[in-house]
Amino acid sequence: MASLGSLERAIMDVLWDARKPMRVRELLVRLNEERELAYTTVQTVAERLVKKGLLERTPYRNAFRYAAVKSRDEHVADLMLEALSAGGDRLPVLARFAQRVEEEDALALMEELSRRQRRSTT
């Protein structure tokens, strides 16, 4: 999973925040609140995100609607798992992460791991 360019990230953020499929024209309105972009630029980048497997497109009248394939949380978790697998031996990476993560986040992670353990034993 490759990292996202700034416009790719902006498009993903708009779609994740909207939580509904959007046409390029709708994306353009949202994106142009921050900067001036051409319709064709947004369309090209949206198509690139489709090819990367991050967006899906569905026909809508004479255009397409684009939607995120995964939620933002799922995407970030996938990036974290990809980074973890790049480290070779996972134990030192996990140990370093555990030492550096904020205490509140560590507690939330421990709770989720406990829930996972309880589900797998039932």
Protein backbone atom coordinates (compact mmCIF):
# COMPACT_ATOMS: atom_id res chain seq x y z
CA MET A 1 0.00 0.00 0.00
CA ALA A 2 1.72 3.13 -1.19
CA SER A 3 1.66 6.41 0.65
CA LEU A 4 -0.74 9.02 -0.62
CA GLY A 5 0.14 12.27 -2.34
CA SER A 6 -1.35 15.46 -0.93
CA LEU A 7 -4.27 15.62 -3.39
CA GLU A 8 -4.95 11.89 -3.03
CA ARG A 9 -5.05 12.36 0.73
CA ALA A 10 -7.34 15.39 0.40
CA ILE A 11 -9.78 13.42 -1.77
CA MET A 12 -9.75 10.50 0.66
CA ASP A 13 -10.34 12.87 3.59
CA VAL A 14 -13.36 14.44 1.86
CA LEU A 15 -14.87 11.04 1.11
CA TRP A 16 -14.15 9.66 4.59
CA ASP A 17 -15.71 12.74 6.19
CA ALA A 18 -18.72 12.67 3.86
CA ARG A 19 -19.37 8.96 4.48
CA LYS A 20 -21.24 8.78 1.19
CA PRO A 21 -20.32 8.41 -2.47
CA MET A 22 -19.66 11.67 -4.30
CA ARG A 23 -19.37 12.79 -7.91
CA VAL A 24 -16.22 14.58 -9.06
CA ARG A 25 -18.13 17.85 -9.18
CA GLU A 26 -19.08 17.46 -5.50
CA LEU A 27 -15.50 16.60 -4.59
CA LEU A 28 -14.31 19.63 -6.51
CA VAL A 29 -16.56 21.97 -4.52
CA ARG A 30 -15.20 20.65 -1.23
CA LEU A 31 -11.59 20.62 -2.38
CA ASN A 32 -11.77 24.13 -3.83
CA GLU A 33 -12.56 25.49 -0.37
CA GLU A 34 -8.83 25.04 0.31
CA ARG A 35 -7.28 25.52 -3.16
CA GLU A 36 -8.24 26.00 -6.81
CA LEU A 37 -8.28 22.74 -8.74
CA ALA A 38 -9.48 21.80 -12.19
CA TYR A 39 -12.26 19.25 -12.67
CA THR A 40 -9.99 17.05 -14.80
CA THR A 41 -7.29 17.06 -12.12
CA VAL A 42 -9.69 15.77 -9.46
CA GLN A 43 -11.12 13.22 -11.90
CA THR A 44 -7.64 11.94 -12.82
CA VAL A 45 -6.57 11.58 -9.20
CA ALA A 46 -9.86 9.87 -8.28
CA GLU A 47 -9.27 7.36 -11.07
CA ARG A 48 -5.73 6.80 -9.80
CA LEU A 49 -7.21 6.01 -6.37
CA VAL A 50 -9.59 3.53 -8.01
CA LYS A 51 -6.61 1.79 -9.63
CA LYS A 52 -4.83 1.70 -6.25
CA GLY A 53 -7.88 -0.02 -4.78
CA LEU A 54 -8.70 2.79 -2.37
CA LEU A 55 -11.85 4.03 -4.12
CA GLU A 56 -14.65 2.33 -5.95
CA ARG A 57 -16.74 4.03 -8.58
CA THR A 58 -20.32 3.37 -9.51
CA PRO A 59 -22.23 4.78 -12.47
CA TYR A 60 -24.64 7.59 -11.63
CA ARG A 61 -26.59 9.17 -14.50
CA ASN A 62 -23.92 10.39 -16.90
CA ALA A 63 -21.08 10.41 -14.33
CA PHE A 64 -19.58 8.25 -11.59
CA ARG A 65 -19.83 8.38 -7.85
CA TYR A 66 -16.69 7.61 -5.89
CA ALA A 67 -16.57 6.05 -2.43
CA ALA A 68 -13.81 4.85 -0.16
CA VAL A 69 -13.37 1.08 -0.19
CA LYS A 70 -12.34 1.09 3.49
CA SER A 71 -12.93 3.41 6.38
CA ARG A 72 -10.18 5.78 7.50
CA ASP A 73 -9.61 3.56 10.56
CA GLU A 74 -9.21 0.46 8.40
CA HIS A 75 -6.83 2.29 6.07
CA VAL A 76 -4.64 3.53 8.92
CA ALA A 77 -4.61 0.07 10.53
CA ASP A 78 -3.50 -1.42 7.21
CA LEU A 79 -0.67 1.14 7.02
CA MET A 80 0.39 0.27 10.56
CA LEU A 81 0.41 -3.45 9.77
CA GLU A 82 2.39 -2.81 6.60
CA ALA A 83 4.96 -0.80 8.56
CA LEU A 84 5.13 -3.55 11.17
CA SER A 85 5.82 -6.21 8.55
CA ALA A 86 8.59 -4.08 7.02
CA GLY A 87 10.59 -4.28 10.24
CA GLY A 88 11.58 -7.94 9.90
CA ASP A 89 11.53 -9.16 13.50
CA ARG A 90 8.25 -7.81 14.84
CA LEU A 91 8.94 -8.19 18.56
CA PRO A 92 11.47 -5.33 18.86
CA VAL A 93 9.20 -3.09 16.77
CA LEU A 94 6.19 -3.90 18.96
CA ALA A 95 8.26 -3.38 22.12
CA ARG A 96 9.44 0.03 20.90
CA PHE A 97 5.87 0.97 19.95
CA ALA A 98 4.61 -0.07 23.40
CA GLN A 99 7.28 2.09 25.04
CA ARG A 100 6.49 5.16 22.95
CA VAL A 101 2.70 5.10 22.62
CA GLU A 102 0.72 7.48 24.83
CA GLU A 103 -0.54 5.85 28.02
CA GLU A 104 -4.21 6.43 27.12
CA ASP A 105 -3.67 4.75 23.73
CA ALA A 106 -1.78 1.87 25.38
CA LEU A 107 -4.70 1.28 27.76
CA ALA A 108 -7.18 1.33 24.88
CA LEU A 109 -5.02 -1.14 22.95
CA MET A 110 -4.74 -3.46 25.95
CA GLU A 111 -8.52 -3.38 26.39
CA GLU A 112 -9.09 -4.23 22.73
CA LEU A 113 -6.55 -7.07 22.92
CA SER A 114 -8.35 -8.39 26.02
CA ARG A 115 -11.66 -8.32 24.14
CA ARG A 116 -10.05 -10.17 21.27
CA GLN A 117 -8.68 -12.80 23.65
CA ARG A 118 -12.08 -13.28 25.30
CA ARG A 119 -13.77 -13.71 21.90
CA SER A 120 -11.24 -16.28 20.77
CA THR A 121 -11.63 -18.39 23.92
CA THR A 122 -15.42 -18.58 23.73
